[in-house]
Amino acid sequence: MPHKTILTCKDMLTTWGRSSRCRRGGIIDGGHHGEVGYFIEPTVIVGARPGMTVVEKEIFGLVITVQRFDSTEEVVAVAYGLAGGLWTRDLALAIRSPRSCGRAPSG
């Protein structure tokens, strides 16, 4: 049974990557897997949007989605998950935003 689970996860990630590519996003690094084995390279997917499977499902592996937002309100509306990060040049925004999402700021 574990063998089947691993293959399913590998197939799902491959499908999600293709899906994000079709929606003006894509895998910019990683995502490859060999002919043999169950491992996928660490993967970075950009252009992901809310509603896409790759954003809304937990992927238990080295996969990160990068999303761009136009406002803090947009970020707060979709903030969920086990981890997240914020890159900004605005220090006040960097301190204020995690609190808006119910998280404590960290370095």
C-alpha atoms as a PDB file:
ATOM      1  CA  MET A   1       0.000   0.000   0.000  1.00  0.00           C
ATOM      2  CA  PRO A   2       2.733   2.616   0.735  1.00  0.00           C
ATOM      3  CA  HIS A   3       4.111   2.006  -2.786  1.00  0.00           C
ATOM      4  CA  LYS A   4       0.761   2.962  -4.326  1.00  0.00           C
ATOM      5  CA  THR A   5       0.513   6.081  -2.145  1.00  0.00           C
ATOM      6  CA  ILE A   6       3.951   7.313  -3.208  1.00  0.00           C
ATOM      7  CA  LEU A   7       3.200   6.818  -6.898  1.00  0.00           C
ATOM      8  CA  THR A   8      -0.106   8.636  -6.515  1.00  0.00           C
ATOM      9  CA  CYS A   9       1.594  11.649  -4.876  1.00  0.00           C
ATOM     10  CA  LYS A  10       4.238  11.724  -7.621  1.00  0.00           C
ATOM     11  CA  ASP A  11       1.550  11.647 -10.300  1.00  0.00           C
ATOM     12  CA  MET A  12      -0.495  14.317  -8.523  1.00  0.00           C
ATOM     13  CA  LEU A  13       2.462  16.710  -8.327  1.00  0.00           C
ATOM     14  CA  THR A  14       3.214  16.186 -12.007  1.00  0.00           C
ATOM     15  CA  THR A  15      -0.431  16.900 -12.883  1.00  0.00           C
ATOM     16  CA  TRP A  16      -0.589  19.982 -10.629  1.00  0.00           C
ATOM     17  CA  GLY A  17       2.571  21.347 -12.207  1.00  0.00           C
ATOM     18  CA  ARG A  18       1.098  20.911 -15.682  1.00  0.00           C
ATOM     19  CA  SER A  19      -2.158  22.527 -14.526  1.00  0.00           C
ATOM     20  CA  SER A  20      -0.332  25.600 -13.181  1.00  0.00           C
ATOM     21  CA  ARG A  21       1.590  25.886 -16.473  1.00  0.00           C
ATOM     22  CA  CYS A  22      -1.696  25.950 -18.389  1.00  0.00           C
ATOM     23  CA  ARG A  23      -2.953  28.816 -16.231  1.00  0.00           C
ATOM     24  CA  ARG A  24      -0.018  31.181 -16.913  1.00  0.00           C
ATOM     25  CA  GLY A  25       2.104  29.864 -14.132  1.00  0.00           C
ATOM     26  CA  GLY A  26       4.637  27.176 -14.111  1.00  0.00           C
ATOM     27  CA  ILE A  27       7.440  25.271 -12.536  1.00  0.00           C
ATOM     28  CA  ILE A  28      10.516  27.501 -12.666  1.00  0.00           C
ATOM     29  CA  ASP A  29      12.845  25.050 -10.976  1.00  0.00           C
ATOM     30  CA  GLY A  30      12.774  21.368 -10.115  1.00  0.00           C
ATOM     31  CA  GLY A  31       9.769  19.150 -10.638  1.00  0.00           C
ATOM     32  CA  HIS A  32      11.712  16.438 -12.419  1.00  0.00           C
ATOM     33  CA  HIS A  33      11.721  12.806 -11.434  1.00  0.00           C
ATOM     34  CA  GLY A  34      13.721   9.911 -12.742  1.00  0.00           C
ATOM     35  CA  GLU A  35      12.521   6.861 -14.606  1.00  0.00           C
ATOM     36  CA  VAL A  36      13.100   4.791 -11.468  1.00  0.00           C
ATOM     37  CA  GLY A  37      12.286   5.715  -7.884  1.00  0.00           C
ATOM     38  CA  TYR A  38       9.748   7.810  -6.075  1.00  0.00           C
ATOM     39  CA  PHE A  39      11.528  11.109  -5.579  1.00  0.00           C
ATOM     40  CA  ILE A  40      10.817  14.481  -7.148  1.00  0.00           C
ATOM     41  CA  GLU A  41      13.319  17.344  -7.092  1.00  0.00           C
ATOM     42  CA  PRO A  42      12.582  20.320  -4.835  1.00  0.00           C
ATOM     43  CA  THR A  43      10.121  22.366  -6.885  1.00  0.00           C
ATOM     44  CA  VAL A  44       9.214  26.068  -7.183  1.00  0.00           C
ATOM     45  CA  ILE A  45       5.901  26.949  -8.856  1.00  0.00           C
ATOM     46  CA  VAL A  46       5.163  30.586  -9.739  1.00  0.00           C
ATOM     47  CA  GLY A  47       1.980  32.251 -10.905  1.00  0.00           C
ATOM     48  CA  ALA A  48      -0.238  30.106  -8.707  1.00  0.00           C
ATOM     49  CA  ARG A  49      -3.650  31.563  -7.894  1.00  0.00           C
ATOM     50  CA  PRO A  50      -6.278  30.853  -5.238  1.00  0.00           C
ATOM     51  CA  GLY A  51      -8.505  28.022  -6.389  1.00  0.00           C
ATOM     52  CA  MET A  52      -5.695  26.072  -8.031  1.00  0.00           C
ATOM     53  CA  THR A  53      -5.161  22.581  -6.631  1.00  0.00           C
ATOM     54  CA  VAL A  54      -1.440  23.192  -6.124  1.00  0.00           C
ATOM     55  CA  VAL A  55      -2.323  26.090  -3.771  1.00  0.00           C
ATOM     56  CA  GLU A  56      -5.200  24.509  -1.866  1.00  0.00           C
ATOM     57  CA  LYS A  57      -3.943  20.953  -1.272  1.00  0.00           C
ATOM     58  CA  GLU A  58      -1.130  20.043   1.089  1.00  0.00           C
ATOM     59  CA  ILE A  59       1.849  18.683  -0.778  1.00  0.00           C
ATOM     60  CA  PHE A  60       4.040  16.687   1.549  1.00  0.00           C
ATOM     61  CA  GLY A  61       7.321  17.368  -0.152  1.00  0.00           C
ATOM     62  CA  LEU A  62       9.755  20.044  -1.130  1.00  0.00           C
ATOM     63  CA  VAL A  63       7.302  22.134  -3.135  1.00  0.00           C
ATOM     64  CA  ILE A  64       6.677  25.855  -2.786  1.00  0.00           C
ATOM     65  CA  THR A  65       4.166  28.038  -4.592  1.00  0.00           C
ATOM     66  CA  VAL A  66       4.910  31.719  -5.124  1.00  0.00           C
ATOM     67  CA  GLN A  67       1.913  34.016  -5.339  1.00  0.00           C
ATOM     68  CA  ARG A  68       1.679  37.735  -6.011  1.00  0.00           C
ATOM     69  CA  PHE A  69      -0.963  39.962  -4.400  1.00  0.00           C
ATOM     70  CA  ASP A  70      -2.026  43.556  -5.003  1.00  0.00           C
ATOM     71  CA  SER A  71      -3.188  44.373  -1.466  1.00  0.00           C
ATOM     72  CA  THR A  72      -2.832  43.308   2.153  1.00  0.00           C
ATOM     73  CA  GLU A  73      -6.564  42.555   2.208  1.00  0.00           C
ATOM     74  CA  GLU A  74      -6.088  40.030  -0.591  1.00  0.00           C
ATOM     75  CA  VAL A  75      -3.346  38.275   1.388  1.00  0.00           C
ATOM     76  CA  VAL A  76      -5.379  38.146   4.595  1.00  0.00           C
ATOM     77  CA  ALA A  77      -8.386  36.732   2.715  1.00  0.00           C
ATOM     78  CA  VAL A  78      -6.435  33.669   1.539  1.00  0.00           C
ATOM     79  CA  ALA A  79      -3.982  33.215   4.427  1.00  0.00           C
ATOM     80  CA  TYR A  80      -4.018  29.624   5.652  1.00  0.00           C
ATOM     81  CA  GLY A  81      -1.706  26.669   5.750  1.00  0.00           C
ATOM     82  CA  LEU A  82       1.251  25.472   7.700  1.00  0.00           C
ATOM     83  CA  ALA A  83       3.776  28.052   6.534  1.00  0.00           C
ATOM     84  CA  GLY A  84       4.004  31.299   4.651  1.00  0.00           C
ATOM     85  CA  GLY A  85       6.364  34.127   3.904  1.00  0.00           C
ATOM     86  CA  LEU A  86       6.154  37.775   2.944  1.00  0.00           C
ATOM     87  CA  TRP A  87       8.707  39.745   0.936  1.00  0.00           C
ATOM     88  CA  THR A  88       8.310  43.518   0.940  1.00  0.00           C
ATOM     89  CA  ARG A  89      10.373  46.704   1.097  1.00  0.00           C
ATOM     90  CA  ASP A  90       7.850  48.238   3.515  1.00  0.00           C
ATOM     91  CA  LEU A  91       8.937  47.449   7.103  1.00  0.00           C
ATOM     92  CA  ALA A  92       5.631  48.615   8.626  1.00  0.00           C
ATOM     93  CA  LEU A  93       3.718  46.324   6.269  1.00  0.00           C
ATOM     94  CA  ALA A  94       6.032  43.417   7.123  1.00  0.00           C
ATOM     95  CA  ILE A  95       5.310  43.871  10.841  1.00  0.00           C
ATOM     96  CA  ARG A  96       1.567  44.535  10.449  1.00  0.00           C
ATOM     97  CA  SER A  97       0.639  41.772   7.967  1.00  0.00           C
ATOM     98  CA  PRO A  98       1.355  38.630  10.044  1.00  0.00           C
ATOM     99  CA  ARG A  99      -0.727  40.045  12.891  1.00  0.00           C
ATOM    100  CA  SER A 100      -3.613  40.565  10.455  1.00  0.00           C
ATOM    101  CA  CYS A 101      -3.393  36.860   9.611  1.00  0.00           C
ATOM    102  CA  GLY A 102      -3.356  35.809  13.267  1.00  0.00           C
ATOM    103  CA  ARG A 103       0.370  35.051  13.337  1.00  0.00           C
ATOM    104  CA  ALA A 104       3.280  36.580  15.191  1.00  0.00           C
ATOM    105  CA  PRO A 105       5.983  38.273  13.103  1.00  0.00           C
ATOM    106  CA  SER A 106       9.329  36.516  13.033  1.00  0.00           C
ATOM    107  CA  GLY A 107      12.756  37.218  11.592  1.00  0.00           C
END
